[in-house]
Protein backbone atom coordinates (compact mmCIF):
# COMPACT_ATOMS: atom_id res chain seq x y z
CA UNK A 1 -43.29 -5.57 25.61
CA UNK A 2 -41.33 -7.45 22.96
CA UNK A 3 -43.00 -5.36 20.22
CA UNK A 4 -41.96 -2.18 22.01
CA UNK A 5 -38.32 -3.29 22.18
CA UNK A 6 -38.20 -4.19 18.50
CA UNK A 7 -39.75 -0.84 17.52
CA UNK A 8 -37.29 1.05 19.72
CA UNK A 9 -34.34 -0.85 18.32
CA UNK A 10 -35.62 -0.24 14.77
CA UNK A 11 -35.80 3.52 15.45
CA UNK A 12 -32.31 3.50 16.91
CA UNK A 13 -31.02 1.71 13.81
CA UNK A 14 -32.65 4.30 11.54
CA UNK A 15 -31.00 7.19 13.39
CA UNK A 16 -27.53 5.74 13.03
CA UNK A 17 -25.93 7.38 9.99
CA UNK A 18 -24.64 5.11 7.27
CA UNK A 19 -20.93 5.05 6.35
CA UNK A 20 -21.75 7.05 3.19
CA UNK A 21 -23.47 9.73 5.27
CA UNK A 22 -20.49 9.90 7.62
CA UNK A 23 -18.13 10.17 4.67
CA UNK A 24 -20.26 12.90 3.06
CA UNK A 25 -20.42 14.79 6.33
CA UNK A 26 -16.61 14.77 6.65
CA UNK A 27 -16.21 15.73 2.98
CA UNK A 28 -18.58 18.69 3.25
CA UNK A 29 -17.14 19.81 6.58
CA UNK A 30 -13.67 19.84 5.00
CA UNK A 31 -14.75 22.00 2.05
CA UNK A 32 -14.55 25.78 2.46
CA UNK A 33 -17.78 27.78 2.43
CA UNK A 34 -18.35 29.13 -1.07
CA UNK A 35 -16.67 26.19 -2.84
CA UNK A 36 -18.21 25.45 -6.25
CA UNK A 37 -19.50 21.89 -6.37
CA UNK A 38 -21.46 19.62 -8.66
CA UNK A 39 -24.01 17.40 -6.92
CA UNK A 40 -25.82 14.35 -8.30
CA UNK A 41 -29.01 12.98 -6.74
CA UNK A 42 -31.63 10.64 -8.24
CA UNK A 43 -33.91 13.63 -8.89
CA UNK A 44 -31.51 16.39 -10.00
CA UNK A 45 -28.02 17.16 -11.18
CA UNK A 46 -26.71 20.45 -9.83
CA UNK A 47 -23.83 22.04 -11.69
CA UNK A 48 -22.30 25.24 -10.38
CA UNK A 49 -23.73 25.18 -6.91
CA UNK A 50 -21.99 26.98 -4.07
CA UNK A 51 -21.66 25.35 -0.65
CA UNK A 52 -23.33 27.42 2.08
CA UNK A 53 -23.41 25.14 5.14
CA UNK A 54 -23.78 21.62 6.49
CA UNK A 55 -26.47 21.24 9.13
CA UNK A 56 -27.34 17.87 10.60
CA UNK A 57 -28.23 15.51 7.78
CA UNK A 58 -28.70 18.21 5.12
CA UNK A 59 -26.38 20.36 3.07
CA UNK A 60 -27.38 23.87 2.05
CA UNK A 61 -26.31 25.09 -1.38
CA UNK A 62 -26.90 28.11 -3.56
CA UNK A 63 -27.13 27.96 -7.33
CA UNK A 64 -24.39 30.20 -8.73
CA UNK A 65 -26.22 31.92 -11.58
CA UNK A 66 -29.55 32.53 -9.90
CA UNK A 67 -28.80 32.56 -6.16
CA UNK A 68 -31.62 30.09 -5.47
CA UNK A 69 -31.08 28.31 -2.12
CA UNK A 70 -31.18 24.51 -2.32
CA UNK A 71 -31.33 22.07 0.60
CA UNK A 72 -30.32 18.45 -0.11
CA UNK A 73 -30.52 15.49 2.27
CA UNK A 74 -27.24 13.57 2.61
CA UNK A 75 -29.01 10.26 1.99
CA UNK A 76 -30.06 11.41 -1.50
CA UNK A 77 -26.56 12.32 -2.70
CA UNK A 78 -25.06 9.90 -5.22
CA UNK A 79 -22.07 11.92 -6.41
CA UNK A 80 -20.09 15.05 -5.55
CA UNK A 81 -17.48 16.81 -7.68
CA UNK A 82 -15.45 19.94 -7.01
CA UNK A 83 -13.78 22.35 -9.41
CA UNK A 84 -10.07 22.07 -10.00
CA UNK A 85 -7.69 23.80 -12.37
CA UNK A 86 -4.99 22.47 -14.73
CA UNK A 87 -2.30 25.00 -13.71
CA UNK A 88 0.40 22.40 -12.99
CA UNK A 89 -0.27 20.42 -16.15
CA UNK A 90 -0.24 23.63 -18.23
CA UNK A 91 3.00 24.76 -16.64
CA UNK A 92 4.71 21.44 -17.30
CA UNK A 93 3.51 21.27 -20.92
CA UNK A 94 4.55 24.88 -21.56
CA UNK A 95 7.96 24.45 -19.95
CA UNK A 96 8.79 21.22 -21.77
CA UNK A 97 7.55 22.52 -25.13
CA UNK A 98 9.52 25.76 -24.70
CA UNK A 99 12.63 23.84 -23.66
CA UNK A 100 12.44 21.51 -26.64
CA UNK A 101 11.74 24.23 -29.20
CA UNK A 102 14.30 26.61 -27.68
CA UNK A 103 17.00 23.95 -27.65
CA UNK A 104 16.44 23.06 -31.28
CA UNK A 105 16.36 26.67 -32.44
CA UNK A 106 19.34 27.57 -30.22
CA UNK A 107 21.30 24.67 -31.72
CA UNK A 108 20.51 25.87 -35.23
CA UNK A 109 21.31 29.52 -34.49
CA UNK A 110 24.53 28.56 -32.69
CA UNK A 111 25.71 26.66 -35.77
CA UNK A 112 25.66 29.90 -37.82
CA UNK A 113 28.77 31.15 -35.95
CA UNK A 114 30.87 28.08 -36.71
CA UNK A 115 34.43 28.57 -37.89
CA UNK A 116 36.00 25.30 -36.69
CA UNK A 117 34.56 21.98 -35.61
CA UNK A 118 35.53 22.42 -31.96
CA UNK A 119 34.21 25.98 -31.87
CA UNK A 120 31.00 24.83 -33.56
CA UNK A 121 30.17 22.37 -30.76
CA UNK A 122 30.64 25.00 -28.06
CA UNK A 123 28.55 27.59 -29.95
CA UNK A 124 25.75 25.11 -30.60
CA UNK A 125 25.65 24.06 -26.92
CA UNK A 126 25.67 27.65 -25.69
CA UNK A 127 22.86 28.60 -28.10
CA UNK A 128 20.78 25.60 -27.10
CA UNK A 129 21.18 26.38 -23.41
CA UNK A 130 20.45 30.12 -23.76
CA UNK A 131 17.46 29.90 -26.08
CA UNK A 132 16.15 26.69 -24.48
CA UNK A 133 16.12 28.26 -21.03
CA UNK A 134 14.50 31.45 -22.30
CA UNK A 135 11.73 29.69 -24.20
CA UNK A 136 11.19 27.24 -21.32
CA UNK A 137 10.51 30.16 -18.97
CA UNK A 138 8.21 31.85 -21.49
CA UNK A 139 6.38 28.60 -22.25
CA UNK A 140 6.03 27.80 -18.56
CA UNK A 141 4.48 31.21 -17.91
CA UNK A 142 2.05 30.87 -20.80
CA UNK A 143 1.14 27.31 -19.75
CA UNK A 144 0.55 28.45 -16.17
CA UNK A 145 -1.72 31.30 -17.28
CA UNK A 146 -3.74 29.08 -19.63
CA UNK A 147 -3.89 26.22 -17.13
CA UNK A 148 -5.34 28.45 -14.41
CA UNK A 149 -8.21 29.36 -16.71
CA UNK A 150 -8.99 25.73 -17.60
CA UNK A 151 -11.51 24.36 -15.05
CA UNK A 152 -12.60 20.74 -14.75
CA UNK A 153 -14.79 18.76 -12.32
CA UNK A 154 -12.91 16.39 -10.00
CA UNK A 155 -15.12 13.69 -8.39
CA UNK A 156 -14.66 13.31 -4.61
CA UNK A 157 -17.64 11.05 -3.86
CA UNK A 158 -18.36 8.08 -4.29
């Protein structure tokens, strides 16, 4: 009877999911269906796989280029990454670069209209503000467009 109890308790312990499995289950359940992910297991590295569903202790994926269905056990997963885009970083770089360049050029162009020292300061400031604002908006738009095209892998597990 003692052997039966130890075998039953051993089976119950095997069925209890590990903290990593619970974390993976919550991560995958929070991802939208069709999300591009990168998955690392001891046997394979999947880049550009699309999430199909999470069922029990397995996750179902589809390889993006070929459409091949792939089923991976949660216990075999060592790393998960999702695709993200650099749109905010591109926007900030474009805006700050445009503001800096526009201010410098506006200051130089505003100094061409100088007749007196007092008038020169006002013209330089106005030119810097006008051209700096214009080039900041243009640079921000260009940075946003380029940043949305730039894709990188962001690790979410481990």
